[in-house]
Amino acid sequence: MLTETLVGPVKLVTHRERPDGSDALSFPSGHAAITFAGATVLERHLGWKKSALAYVVAAYVATSRLHDNRHYASDVLFGAATGTIAGRTVTRHGGDKWALAPVSVPGGMVLVLSRR
């Protein structure tokens, strides 16, 4: 969902015509973004060895968009980067620590939520 939220508006704003002239929604490649987002989520959960095939599939999908003359290389690269960033954004692992603490302020109290 995050990937589509990022890609859709950029397509509408840039209004870049496809190499085959079919429409003006070329930049960035949604197919590349979605497949790289999925591969990245798998990699974050399973590790790089178990997700290597997902990256091979993502690369195949991305390059097929070039071969089919639906995208320019920059469309595919930006789409892949967007998907990778989105995938990493929604999968956090490790030492995130959250704390909720009351803090005294003049005239009252405030609850502070912090992440480390």
PDB file of N, CA and C in Angstrom:
ATOM      1  N   MET A   1       0.826  -1.189   0.000  1.00  0.00           N
ATOM      2  CA  MET A   1       0.000   0.000   0.000  1.00  0.00           C
ATOM      3  C   MET A   1       0.872   1.256   0.000  1.00  0.00           C
ATOM      4  N   LEU A   2       1.941   1.217   0.777  1.00  0.00           N
ATOM      5  CA  LEU A   2       2.822   2.374   0.820  1.00  0.00           C
ATOM      6  C   LEU A   2       3.454   2.633  -0.544  1.00  0.00           C
ATOM      7  N   THR A   3       3.861   1.580  -1.214  1.00  0.00           N
ATOM      8  CA  THR A   3       4.482   1.740  -2.531  1.00  0.00           C
ATOM      9  C   THR A   3       3.531   2.405  -3.501  1.00  0.00           C
ATOM     10  N   GLU A   4       2.291   1.941  -3.552  1.00  0.00           N
ATOM     11  CA  GLU A   4       1.307   2.551  -4.452  1.00  0.00           C
ATOM     12  C   GLU A   4       1.023   3.997  -4.065  1.00  0.00           C
ATOM     13  N   THR A   5       1.021   4.278  -2.769  1.00  0.00           N
ATOM     14  CA  THR A   5       0.798   5.641  -2.290  1.00  0.00           C
ATOM     15  C   THR A   5       1.923   6.565  -2.742  1.00  0.00           C
ATOM     16  N   LEU A   6       3.125   6.037  -2.824  1.00  0.00           N
ATOM     17  CA  LEU A   6       4.264   6.840  -3.272  1.00  0.00           C
ATOM     18  C   LEU A   6       4.321   6.971  -4.790  1.00  0.00           C
ATOM     19  N   VAL A   7       4.045   5.887  -5.497  1.00  0.00           N
ATOM     20  CA  VAL A   7       4.207   5.863  -6.956  1.00  0.00           C
ATOM     21  C   VAL A   7       3.087   6.610  -7.685  1.00  0.00           C
ATOM     22  N   GLY A   8       1.854   6.392  -7.277  1.00  0.00           N
ATOM     23  CA  GLY A   8       0.706   6.976  -7.983  1.00  0.00           C
ATOM     24  C   GLY A   8       0.771   8.485  -8.179  1.00  0.00           C
ATOM     25  N   PRO A   9       0.951   9.255  -7.103  1.00  0.00           N
ATOM     26  CA  PRO A   9       1.024  10.707  -7.274  1.00  0.00           C
ATOM     27  C   PRO A   9       2.202  11.170  -8.125  1.00  0.00           C
ATOM     28  N   VAL A  10       3.342  10.478  -8.012  1.00  0.00           N
ATOM     29  CA  VAL A  10       4.508  10.871  -8.818  1.00  0.00           C
ATOM     30  C   VAL A  10       4.203  10.675 -10.300  1.00  0.00           C
ATOM     31  N   LYS A  11       3.526   9.595 -10.644  1.00  0.00           N
ATOM     32  CA  LYS A  11       3.137   9.365 -12.040  1.00  0.00           C
ATOM     33  C   LYS A  11       2.267  10.512 -12.560  1.00  0.00           C
ATOM     34  N   LEU A  12       1.321  10.930 -11.745  1.00  0.00           N
ATOM     35  CA  LEU A  12       0.408  11.996 -12.165  1.00  0.00           C
ATOM     36  C   LEU A  12       1.112  13.344 -12.277  1.00  0.00           C
ATOM     37  N   VAL A  13       2.039  13.615 -11.375  1.00  0.00           N
ATOM     38  CA  VAL A  13       2.736  14.900 -11.386  1.00  0.00           C
ATOM     39  C   VAL A  13       3.758  14.983 -12.516  1.00  0.00           C
ATOM     40  N   THR A  14       4.536  13.914 -12.714  1.00  0.00           N
ATOM     41  CA  THR A  14       5.584  13.969 -13.745  1.00  0.00           C
ATOM     42  C   THR A  14       4.997  13.872 -15.147  1.00  0.00           C
ATOM     43  N   HIS A  15       3.930  13.104 -15.304  1.00  0.00           N
ATOM     44  CA  HIS A  15       3.221  12.997 -16.584  1.00  0.00           C
ATOM     45  C   HIS A  15       4.179  12.686 -17.738  1.00  0.00           C
ATOM     46  N   ARG A  16       5.057  11.714 -17.520  1.00  0.00           N
ATOM     47  CA  ARG A  16       6.067  11.347 -18.532  1.00  0.00           C
ATOM     48  C   ARG A  16       5.484  10.330 -19.504  1.00  0.00           C
ATOM     49  N   GLU A  17       5.633  10.608 -20.782  1.00  0.00           N
ATOM     50  CA  GLU A  17       5.114   9.706 -21.811  1.00  0.00           C
ATOM     51  C   GLU A  17       5.957   8.436 -21.887  1.00  0.00           C
ATOM     52  N   ARG A  18       5.278   7.319 -22.074  1.00  0.00           N
ATOM     53  CA  ARG A  18       5.959   6.027 -22.201  1.00  0.00           C
ATOM     54  C   ARG A  18       6.708   5.962 -23.536  1.00  0.00           C
ATOM     55  N   PRO A  19       7.749   5.132 -23.605  1.00  0.00           N
ATOM     56  CA  PRO A  19       8.493   4.996 -24.863  1.00  0.00           C
ATOM     57  C   PRO A  19       7.615   4.525 -26.024  1.00  0.00           C
ATOM     58  N   ASP A  20       6.594   3.719 -25.722  1.00  0.00           N
ATOM     59  CA  ASP A  20       5.719   3.250 -26.799  1.00  0.00           C
ATOM     60  C   ASP A  20       4.584   4.232 -27.108  1.00  0.00           C
ATOM     61  N   GLY A  21       4.516   5.340 -26.368  1.00  0.00           N
ATOM     62  CA  GLY A  21       3.522   6.375 -26.628  1.00  0.00           C
ATOM     63  C   GLY A  21       2.109   6.035 -26.181  1.00  0.00           C
ATOM     64  N   SER A  22       1.918   4.987 -25.400  1.00  0.00           N
ATOM     65  CA  SER A  22       0.569   4.553 -25.037  1.00  0.00           C
ATOM     66  C   SER A  22      -0.127   5.466 -24.033  1.00  0.00           C
ATOM     67  N   ASP A  23       0.619   6.077 -23.118  1.00  0.00           N
ATOM     68  CA  ASP A  23       0.045   7.043 -22.181  1.00  0.00           C
ATOM     69  C   ASP A  23       1.168   7.863 -21.565  1.00  0.00           C
ATOM     70  N   ALA A  24       0.819   8.724 -20.628  1.00  0.00           N
ATOM     71  CA  ALA A  24       1.815   9.589 -19.997  1.00  0.00           C
ATOM     72  C   ALA A  24       1.957   9.253 -18.511  1.00  0.00           C
ATOM     73  N   LEU A  25       2.072   7.962 -18.208  1.00  0.00           N
ATOM     74  CA  LEU A  25       2.225   7.517 -16.825  1.00  0.00           C
ATOM     75  C   LEU A  25       3.443   6.611 -16.682  1.00  0.00           C
ATOM     76  N   SER A  26       4.543   7.008 -17.298  1.00  0.00           N
ATOM     77  CA  SER A  26       5.720   6.158 -17.342  1.00  0.00           C
ATOM     78  C   SER A  26       6.562   6.203 -16.077  1.00  0.00           C
ATOM     79  N   PHE A  27       6.732   7.368 -15.500  1.00  0.00           N
ATOM     80  CA  PHE A  27       7.681   7.549 -14.394  1.00  0.00           C
ATOM     81  C   PHE A  27       6.974   7.641 -13.061  1.00  0.00           C
ATOM     82  N   PRO A  28       7.353   6.817 -12.093  1.00  0.00           N
ATOM     83  CA  PRO A  28       8.258   5.677 -12.086  1.00  0.00           C
ATOM     84  C   PRO A  28       7.520   4.387 -12.433  1.00  0.00           C
ATOM     85  N   SER A  29       8.249   3.315 -12.599  1.00  0.00           N
ATOM     86  CA  SER A  29       7.649   2.028 -12.927  1.00  0.00           C
ATOM     87  C   SER A  29       6.983   1.426 -11.690  1.00  0.00           C
ATOM     88  N   GLY A  30       5.677   1.273 -11.753  1.00  0.00           N
ATOM     89  CA  GLY A  30       4.939   0.662 -10.653  1.00  0.00           C
ATOM     90  C   GLY A  30       5.256  -0.807 -10.495  1.00  0.00           C
ATOM     91  N   HIS A  31       5.453  -1.501 -11.621  1.00  0.00           N
ATOM     92  CA  HIS A  31       5.793  -2.925 -11.555  1.00  0.00           C
ATOM     93  C   HIS A  31       7.125  -3.132 -10.829  1.00  0.00           C
ATOM     94  N   ALA A  32       8.116  -2.332 -11.175  1.00  0.00           N
ATOM     95  CA  ALA A  32       9.414  -2.440 -10.506  1.00  0.00           C
ATOM     96  C   ALA A  32       9.282  -2.099  -9.027  1.00  0.00           C
ATOM     97  N   ALA A  33       8.523  -1.065  -8.718  1.00  0.00           N
ATOM     98  CA  ALA A  33       8.366  -0.647  -7.327  1.00  0.00           C
ATOM     99  C   ALA A  33       7.704  -1.733  -6.487  1.00  0.00           C
ATOM    100  N   ILE A  34       6.615  -2.303  -6.982  1.00  0.00           N
ATOM    101  CA  ILE A  34       5.885  -3.321  -6.224  1.00  0.00           C
ATOM    102  C   ILE A  34       6.729  -4.583  -6.021  1.00  0.00           C
ATOM    103  N   THR A  35       7.388  -5.042  -7.079  1.00  0.00           N
ATOM    104  CA  THR A  35       8.165  -6.280  -6.934  1.00  0.00           C
ATOM    105  C   THR A  35       9.381  -6.086  -6.036  1.00  0.00           C
ATOM    106  N   PHE A  36      10.046  -4.940  -6.114  1.00  0.00           N
ATOM    107  CA  PHE A  36      11.180  -4.699  -5.226  1.00  0.00           C
ATOM    108  C   PHE A  36      10.725  -4.469  -3.790  1.00  0.00           C
ATOM    109  N   ALA A  37       9.566  -3.892  -3.584  1.00  0.00           N
ATOM    110  CA  ALA A  37       9.031  -3.746  -2.222  1.00  0.00           C
ATOM    111  C   ALA A  37       8.785  -5.127  -1.614  1.00  0.00           C
ATOM    112  N   GLY A  38       8.169  -6.006  -2.378  1.00  0.00           N
ATOM    113  CA  GLY A  38       7.915  -7.361  -1.887  1.00  0.00           C
ATOM    114  C   GLY A  38       9.197  -8.110  -1.582  1.00  0.00           C
ATOM    115  N   ALA A  39      10.174  -8.009  -2.479  1.00  0.00           N
ATOM    116  CA  ALA A  39      11.459  -8.681  -2.265  1.00  0.00           C
ATOM    117  C   ALA A  39      12.161  -8.129  -1.023  1.00  0.00           C
ATOM    118  N   THR A  40      12.067  -6.832  -0.820  1.00  0.00           N
ATOM    119  CA  THR A  40      12.713  -6.218   0.335  1.00  0.00           C
ATOM    120  C   THR A  40      12.057  -6.653   1.639  1.00  0.00           C
ATOM    121  N   VAL A  41      10.738  -6.738   1.654  1.00  0.00           N
ATOM    122  CA  VAL A  41      10.039  -7.207   2.855  1.00  0.00           C
ATOM    123  C   VAL A  41      10.454  -8.649   3.165  1.00  0.00           C
ATOM    124  N   LEU A  42      10.507  -9.496   2.141  1.00  0.00           N
ATOM    125  CA  LEU A  42      10.956 -10.873   2.365  1.00  0.00           C
ATOM    126  C   LEU A  42      12.385 -10.918   2.888  1.00  0.00           C
ATOM    127  N   GLU A  43      13.244 -10.100   2.317  1.00  0.00           N
ATOM    128  CA  GLU A  43      14.643 -10.070   2.751  1.00  0.00           C
ATOM    129  C   GLU A  43      14.755  -9.637   4.208  1.00  0.00           C
ATOM    130  N   ARG A  44      13.962  -8.665   4.612  1.00  0.00           N
ATOM    131  CA  ARG A  44      14.021  -8.180   5.995  1.00  0.00           C
ATOM    132  C   ARG A  44      13.521  -9.237   6.987  1.00  0.00           C
ATOM    133  N   HIS A  45      12.578 -10.062   6.554  1.00  0.00           N
ATOM    134  CA  HIS A  45      12.036 -11.086   7.442  1.00  0.00           C
ATOM    135  C   HIS A  45      12.831 -12.393   7.399  1.00  0.00           C
ATOM    136  N   LEU A  46      13.303 -12.776   6.215  1.00  0.00           N
ATOM    137  CA  LEU A  46      13.905 -14.094   6.045  1.00  0.00           C
ATOM    138  C   LEU A  46      15.422 -14.085   5.890  1.00  0.00           C
ATOM    139  N   GLY A  47      15.993 -12.923   5.588  1.00  0.00           N
ATOM    140  CA  GLY A  47      17.426 -12.848   5.318  1.00  0.00           C
ATOM    141  C   GLY A  47      17.678 -12.886   3.819  1.00  0.00           C
ATOM    142  N   TRP A  48      18.886 -12.498   3.432  1.00  0.00           N
ATOM    143  CA  TRP A  48      19.174 -12.346   2.002  1.00  0.00           C
ATOM    144  C   TRP A  48      19.243 -13.686   1.269  1.00  0.00           C
ATOM    145  N   LYS A  49      19.700 -14.739   1.932  1.00  0.00           N
ATOM    146  CA  LYS A  49      19.811 -16.029   1.251  1.00  0.00           C
ATOM    147  C   LYS A  49      18.440 -16.573   0.851  1.00  0.00           C
ATOM    148  N   LYS A  50      17.479 -16.475   1.745  1.00  0.00           N
ATOM    149  CA  LYS A  50      16.147 -17.009   1.465  1.00  0.00           C
ATOM    150  C   LYS A  50      15.318 -16.083   0.578  1.00  0.00           C
ATOM    151  N   SER A  51      15.765 -14.869   0.384  1.00  0.00           N
ATOM    152  CA  SER A  51      15.001 -13.932  -0.448  1.00  0.00           C
ATOM    153  C   SER A  51      15.673 -13.643  -1.786  1.00  0.00           C
ATOM    154  N   ALA A  52      16.770 -14.290  -2.071  1.00  0.00           N
ATOM    155  CA  ALA A  52      17.493 -14.032  -3.314  1.00  0.00           C
ATOM    156  C   ALA A  52      16.611 -14.264  -4.542  1.00  0.00           C
ATOM    157  N   LEU A  53      15.809 -15.317  -4.509  1.00  0.00           N
ATOM    158  CA  LEU A  53      14.917 -15.592  -5.636  1.00  0.00           C
ATOM    159  C   LEU A  53      13.915 -14.456  -5.842  1.00  0.00           C
ATOM    160  N   ALA A  54      13.445 -13.867  -4.756  1.00  0.00           N
ATOM    161  CA  ALA A  54      12.502 -12.745  -4.865  1.00  0.00           C
ATOM    162  C   ALA A  54      13.160 -11.559  -5.572  1.00  0.00           C
ATOM    163  N   TYR A  55      14.431 -11.311  -5.293  1.00  0.00           N
ATOM    164  CA  TYR A  55      15.142 -10.234  -5.984  1.00  0.00           C
ATOM    165  C   TYR A  55      15.390 -10.571  -7.455  1.00  0.00           C
ATOM    166  N   VAL A  56      15.633 -11.841  -7.758  1.00  0.00           N
ATOM    167  CA  VAL A  56      15.789 -12.263  -9.155  1.00  0.00           C
ATOM    168  C   VAL A  56      14.485 -12.018  -9.910  1.00  0.00           C
ATOM    169  N   VAL A  57      13.362 -12.376  -9.296  1.00  0.00           N
ATOM    170  CA  VAL A  57      12.048 -12.135  -9.918  1.00  0.00           C
ATOM    171  C   VAL A  57      11.816 -10.635 -10.084  1.00  0.00           C
ATOM    172  N   ALA A  58      12.133  -9.843  -9.077  1.00  0.00           N
ATOM    173  CA  ALA A  58      11.952  -8.394  -9.166  1.00  0.00           C
ATOM    174  C   ALA A  58      12.802  -7.801 -10.288  1.00  0.00           C
ATOM    175  N   ALA A  59      14.033  -8.252 -10.398  1.00  0.00           N
ATOM    176  CA  ALA A  59      14.904  -7.768 -11.471  1.00  0.00           C
ATOM    177  C   ALA A  59      14.372  -8.180 -12.838  1.00  0.00           C
ATOM    178  N   TYR A  60      13.851  -9.397 -12.935  1.00  0.00           N
ATOM    179  CA  TYR A  60      13.261  -9.855 -14.197  1.00  0.00           C
ATOM    180  C   TYR A  60      12.066  -8.994 -14.583  1.00  0.00           C
ATOM    181  N   VAL A  61      11.180  -8.748 -13.634  1.00  0.00           N
ATOM    182  CA  VAL A  61      10.006  -7.915 -13.912  1.00  0.00           C
ATOM    183  C   VAL A  61      10.448  -6.520 -14.343  1.00  0.00           C
ATOM    184  N   ALA A  62      11.411  -5.947 -13.626  1.00  0.00           N
ATOM    185  CA  ALA A  62      11.878  -4.595 -13.948  1.00  0.00           C
ATOM    186  C   ALA A  62      12.485  -4.534 -15.348  1.00  0.00           C
ATOM    187  N   THR A  63      13.334  -5.502 -15.690  1.00  0.00           N
ATOM    188  CA  THR A  63      13.957  -5.469 -17.016  1.00  0.00           C
ATOM    189  C   THR A  63      12.957  -5.800 -18.122  1.00  0.00           C
ATOM    190  N   SER A  64      11.931  -6.578 -17.790  1.00  0.00           N
ATOM    191  CA  SER A  64      10.915  -6.866 -18.807  1.00  0.00           C
ATOM    192  C   SER A  64      10.159  -5.602 -19.198  1.00  0.00           C
ATOM    193  N   ARG A  65      10.060  -4.643 -18.299  1.00  0.00           N
ATOM    194  CA  ARG A  65       9.395  -3.377 -18.608  1.00  0.00           C
ATOM    195  C   ARG A  65      10.206  -2.588 -19.634  1.00  0.00           C
ATOM    196  N   LEU A  66      11.517  -2.754 -19.602  1.00  0.00           N
ATOM    197  CA  LEU A  66      12.376  -2.122 -20.613  1.00  0.00           C
ATOM    198  C   LEU A  66      12.245  -2.851 -21.943  1.00  0.00           C
ATOM    199  N   HIS A  67      12.297  -4.158 -21.888  1.00  0.00           N
ATOM    200  CA  HIS A  67      12.232  -4.976 -23.094  1.00  0.00           C
ATOM    201  C   HIS A  67      10.910  -4.771 -23.831  1.00  0.00           C
ATOM    202  N   ASP A  68       9.812  -4.641 -23.084  1.00  0.00           N
ATOM    203  CA  ASP A  68       8.492  -4.434 -23.690  1.00  0.00           C
ATOM    204  C   ASP A  68       8.264  -2.998 -24.138  1.00  0.00           C
ATOM    205  N   ASN A  69       9.293  -2.144 -23.959  1.00  0.00           N
ATOM    206  CA  ASN A  69       9.238  -0.747 -24.380  1.00  0.00           C
ATOM    207  C   ASN A  69       8.144   0.034 -23.642  1.00  0.00           C
ATOM    208  N   ARG A  70       7.902  -0.335 -22.374  1.00  0.00           N
ATOM    209  CA  ARG A  70       6.894   0.353 -21.565  1.00  0.00           C
ATOM    210  C   ARG A  70       7.514   1.415 -20.669  1.00  0.00           C
ATOM    211  N   HIS A  71       8.841   1.314 -20.436  1.00  0.00           N
ATOM    212  CA  HIS A  71       9.521   2.252 -19.545  1.00  0.00           C
ATOM    213  C   HIS A  71      10.916   2.562 -20.042  1.00  0.00           C
ATOM    214  N   TYR A  72      11.400   3.721 -19.612  1.00  0.00           N
ATOM    215  CA  TYR A  72      12.800   4.088 -19.778  1.00  0.00           C
ATOM    216  C   TYR A  72      13.570   3.503 -18.588  1.00  0.00           C
ATOM    217  N   ALA A  73      14.889   3.414 -18.713  1.00  0.00           N
ATOM    218  CA  ALA A  73      15.710   2.863 -17.633  1.00  0.00           C
ATOM    219  C   ALA A  73      15.550   3.667 -16.342  1.00  0.00           C
ATOM    220  N   SER A  74      15.444   4.990 -16.457  1.00  0.00           N
ATOM    221  CA  SER A  74      15.281   5.815 -15.253  1.00  0.00           C
ATOM    222  C   SER A  74      13.958   5.526 -14.548  1.00  0.00           C
ATOM    223  N   ASP A  75      12.917   5.199 -15.304  1.00  0.00           N
ATOM    224  CA  ASP A  75      11.630   4.837 -14.702  1.00  0.00           C
ATOM    225  C   ASP A  75      11.784   3.588 -13.835  1.00  0.00           C
ATOM    226  N   VAL A  76      12.475   2.603 -14.379  1.00  0.00           N
ATOM    227  CA  VAL A  76      12.657   1.324 -13.698  1.00  0.00           C
ATOM    228  C   VAL A  76      13.567   1.480 -12.479  1.00  0.00           C
ATOM    229  N   LEU A  77      14.661   2.211 -12.623  1.00  0.00           N
ATOM    230  CA  LEU A  77      15.583   2.409 -11.500  1.00  0.00           C
ATOM    231  C   LEU A  77      14.910   3.171 -10.363  1.00  0.00           C
ATOM    232  N   PHE A  78      14.177   4.217 -10.690  1.00  0.00           N
ATOM    233  CA  PHE A  78      13.489   4.983  -9.647  1.00  0.00           C
ATOM    234  C   PHE A  78      12.393   4.141  -9.003  1.00  0.00           C
ATOM    235  N   GLY A  79      11.686   3.358  -9.799  1.00  0.00           N
ATOM    236  CA  GLY A  79      10.665   2.467  -9.252  1.00  0.00           C
ATOM    237  C   GLY A  79      11.260   1.440  -8.306  1.00  0.00           C
ATOM    238  N   ALA A  80      12.375   0.839  -8.705  1.00  0.00           N
ATOM    239  CA  ALA A  80      13.036  -0.152  -7.850  1.00  0.00           C
ATOM    240  C   ALA A  80      13.513   0.484  -6.545  1.00  0.00           C
ATOM    241  N   ALA A  81      14.074   1.675  -6.632  1.00  0.00           N
ATOM    242  CA  ALA A  81      14.531   2.378  -5.423  1.00  0.00           C
ATOM    243  C   ALA A  81      13.353   2.724  -4.514  1.00  0.00           C
ATOM    244  N   THR A  82      12.264   3.190  -5.113  1.00  0.00           N
ATOM    245  CA  THR A  82      11.073   3.531  -4.330  1.00  0.00           C
ATOM    246  C   THR A  82      10.527   2.298  -3.621  1.00  0.00           C
ATOM    247  N   GLY A  83      10.445   1.186  -4.327  1.00  0.00           N
ATOM    248  CA  GLY A  83       9.967  -0.051  -3.724  1.00  0.00           C
ATOM    249  C   GLY A  83      10.868  -0.546  -2.609  1.00  0.00           C
ATOM    250  N   THR A  84      12.168  -0.447  -2.815  1.00  0.00           N
ATOM    251  CA  THR A  84      13.116  -0.876  -1.791  1.00  0.00           C
ATOM    252  C   THR A  84      12.976  -0.016  -0.534  1.00  0.00           C
ATOM    253  N   ILE A  85      12.856   1.274  -0.716  1.00  0.00           N
ATOM    254  CA  ILE A  85      12.690   2.173   0.432  1.00  0.00           C
ATOM    255  C   ILE A  85      11.372   1.888   1.148  1.00  0.00           C
ATOM    256  N   ALA A  86      10.302   1.696   0.393  1.00  0.00           N
ATOM    257  CA  ALA A  86       9.006   1.393   1.007  1.00  0.00           C
ATOM    258  C   ALA A  86       9.062   0.075   1.770  1.00  0.00           C
ATOM    259  N   GLY A  87       9.690  -0.934   1.190  1.00  0.00           N
ATOM    260  CA  GLY A  87       9.814  -2.220   1.859  1.00  0.00           C
ATOM    261  C   GLY A  87      10.599  -2.132   3.153  1.00  0.00           C
ATOM    262  N   ARG A  88      11.660  -1.347   3.143  1.00  0.00           N
ATOM    263  CA  ARG A  88      12.459  -1.171   4.364  1.00  0.00           C
ATOM    264  C   ARG A  88      11.703  -0.341   5.394  1.00  0.00           C
ATOM    265  N   THR A  89      10.869   0.561   4.941  1.00  0.00           N
ATOM    266  CA  THR A  89      10.112   1.420   5.858  1.00  0.00           C
ATOM    267  C   THR A  89       9.091   0.629   6.664  1.00  0.00           C
ATOM    268  N   VAL A  90       8.448  -0.331   6.030  1.00  0.00           N
ATOM    269  CA  VAL A  90       7.379  -1.063   6.722  1.00  0.00           C
ATOM    270  C   VAL A  90       7.874  -2.281   7.491  1.00  0.00           C
ATOM    271  N   THR A  91       9.160  -2.601   7.413  1.00  0.00           N
ATOM    272  CA  THR A  91       9.701  -3.744   8.145  1.00  0.00           C
ATOM    273  C   THR A  91      10.890  -3.308   8.976  1.00  0.00           C
ATOM    274  N   ARG A  92      10.636  -3.040  10.221  1.00  0.00           N
ATOM    275  CA  ARG A  92      11.700  -2.665  11.145  1.00  0.00           C
ATOM    276  C   ARG A  92      11.991  -3.845  12.063  1.00  0.00           C
ATOM    277  N   HIS A  93      13.254  -4.130  12.236  1.00  0.00           N
ATOM    278  CA  HIS A  93      13.674  -5.189  13.146  1.00  0.00           C
ATOM    279  C   HIS A  93      14.771  -4.643  14.047  1.00  0.00           C
ATOM    280  N   GLY A  94      14.871  -5.235  15.198  1.00  0.00           N
ATOM    281  CA  GLY A  94      16.005  -4.882  16.033  1.00  0.00           C
ATOM    282  C   GLY A  94      15.645  -4.049  17.241  1.00  0.00           C
ATOM    283  N   GLY A  95      16.486  -3.066  17.528  1.00  0.00           N
ATOM    284  CA  GLY A  95      16.481  -2.394  18.809  1.00  0.00           C
ATOM    285  C   GLY A  95      15.615  -1.168  18.965  1.00  0.00           C
ATOM    286  N   ASP A  96      14.489  -1.074  18.289  1.00  0.00           N
ATOM    287  CA  ASP A  96      13.621   0.065  18.547  1.00  0.00           C
ATOM    288  C   ASP A  96      13.061  -0.051  19.954  1.00  0.00           C
ATOM    289  N   LYS A  97      13.272   0.973  20.745  1.00  0.00           N
ATOM    290  CA  LYS A  97      12.754   1.023  22.113  1.00  0.00           C
ATOM    291  C   LYS A  97      11.806   2.214  22.217  1.00  0.00           C
ATOM    292  N   TRP A  98      10.616   1.963  22.701  1.00  0.00           N
ATOM    293  CA  TRP A  98       9.624   3.017  22.877  1.00  0.00           C
ATOM    294  C   TRP A  98       9.455   3.285  24.367  1.00  0.00           C
ATOM    295  N   ALA A  99       9.264   4.551  24.711  1.00  0.00           N
ATOM    296  CA  ALA A  99       9.042   4.917  26.105  1.00  0.00           C
ATOM    297  C   ALA A  99       7.971   5.998  26.175  1.00  0.00           C
ATOM    298  N   LEU A 100       7.108   5.889  27.161  1.00  0.00           N
ATOM    299  CA  LEU A 100       6.083   6.884  27.431  1.00  0.00           C
ATOM    300  C   LEU A 100       6.328   7.372  28.846  1.00  0.00           C
ATOM    301  N   ALA A 101       6.564   8.681  29.003  1.00  0.00           N
ATOM    302  CA  ALA A 101       6.913   9.195  30.323  1.00  0.00           C
ATOM    303  C   ALA A 101       6.180  10.506  30.601  1.00  0.00           C
ATOM    304  N   PRO A 102       5.699  10.662  31.821  1.00  0.00           N
ATOM    305  CA  PRO A 102       5.099  11.950  32.200  1.00  0.00           C
ATOM    306  C   PRO A 102       6.214  12.953  32.506  1.00  0.00           C
ATOM    307  N   VAL A 103       6.025  14.185  32.055  1.00  0.00           N
ATOM    308  CA  VAL A 103       6.995  15.241  32.291  1.00  0.00           C
ATOM    309  C   VAL A 103       6.251  16.437  32.876  1.00  0.00           C
ATOM    310  N   SER A 104       6.784  16.944  33.975  1.00  0.00           N
ATOM    311  CA  SER A 104       6.177  18.103  34.622  1.00  0.00           C
ATOM    312  C   SER A 104       6.544  19.371  33.845  1.00  0.00           C
ATOM    313  N   VAL A 105       5.550  20.192  33.567  1.00  0.00           N
ATOM    314  CA  VAL A 105       5.749  21.477  32.897  1.00  0.00           C
ATOM    315  C   VAL A 105       5.005  22.530  33.708  1.00  0.00           C
ATOM    316  N   PRO A 106       5.370  23.798  33.558  1.00  0.00           N
ATOM    317  CA  PRO A 106       4.656  24.839  34.311  1.00  0.00           C
ATOM    318  C   PRO A 106       3.147  24.766  34.027  1.00  0.00           C
ATOM    319  N   GLY A 107       2.371  24.599  35.057  1.00  0.00           N
ATOM    320  CA  GLY A 107       0.924  24.567  34.914  1.00  0.00           C
ATOM    321  C   GLY A 107       0.346  23.190  34.644  1.00  0.00           C
ATOM    322  N   GLY A 108       1.160  22.132  34.674  1.00  0.00           N
ATOM    323  CA  GLY A 108       0.598  20.815  34.428  1.00  0.00           C
ATOM    324  C   GLY A 108       1.622  19.751  34.117  1.00  0.00           C
ATOM    325  N   MET A 109       1.185  18.827  33.271  1.00  0.00           N
ATOM    326  CA  MET A 109       2.009  17.681  32.936  1.00  0.00           C
ATOM    327  C   MET A 109       1.801  17.337  31.467  1.00  0.00           C
ATOM    328  N   VAL A 110       2.844  16.786  30.828  1.00  0.00           N
ATOM    329  CA  VAL A 110       2.792  16.362  29.435  1.00  0.00           C
ATOM    330  C   VAL A 110       3.281  14.916  29.361  1.00  0.00           C
ATOM    331  N   LEU A 111       2.652  14.109  28.513  1.00  0.00           N
ATOM    332  CA  LEU A 111       3.142  12.758  28.248  1.00  0.00           C
ATOM    333  C   LEU A 111       4.051  12.821  27.028  1.00  0.00           C
ATOM    334  N   VAL A 112       5.249  12.300  27.171  1.00  0.00           N
ATOM    335  CA  VAL A 112       6.223  12.309  26.082  1.00  0.00           C
ATOM    336  C   VAL A 112       6.416  10.875  25.593  1.00  0.00           C
ATOM    337  N   LEU A 113       6.220  10.679  24.294  1.00  0.00           N
ATOM    338  CA  LEU A 113       6.460   9.396  23.664  1.00  0.00           C
ATOM    339  C   LEU A 113       7.758   9.507  22.883  1.00  0.00           C
ATOM    340  N   SER A 114       8.693   8.596  23.158  1.00  0.00           N
ATOM    341  CA  SER A 114       9.978   8.669  22.455  1.00  0.00           C
ATOM    342  C   SER A 114      10.372   7.295  21.958  1.00  0.00           C
ATOM    343  N   ARG A 115      11.159   7.308  20.901  1.00  0.00           N
ATOM    344  CA  ARG A 115      11.666   6.077  20.313  1.00  0.00           C
ATOM    345  C   ARG A 115      13.175   6.199  20.226  1.00  0.00           C
ATOM    346  N   ARG A 116      13.843   5.119  20.553  1.00  0.00           N
ATOM    347  CA  ARG A 116      15.293   5.114  20.503  1.00  0.00           C
ATOM    348  C   ARG A 116      15.746   3.959  19.672  1.00  0.00           C
TER     349      ARG A 116
END
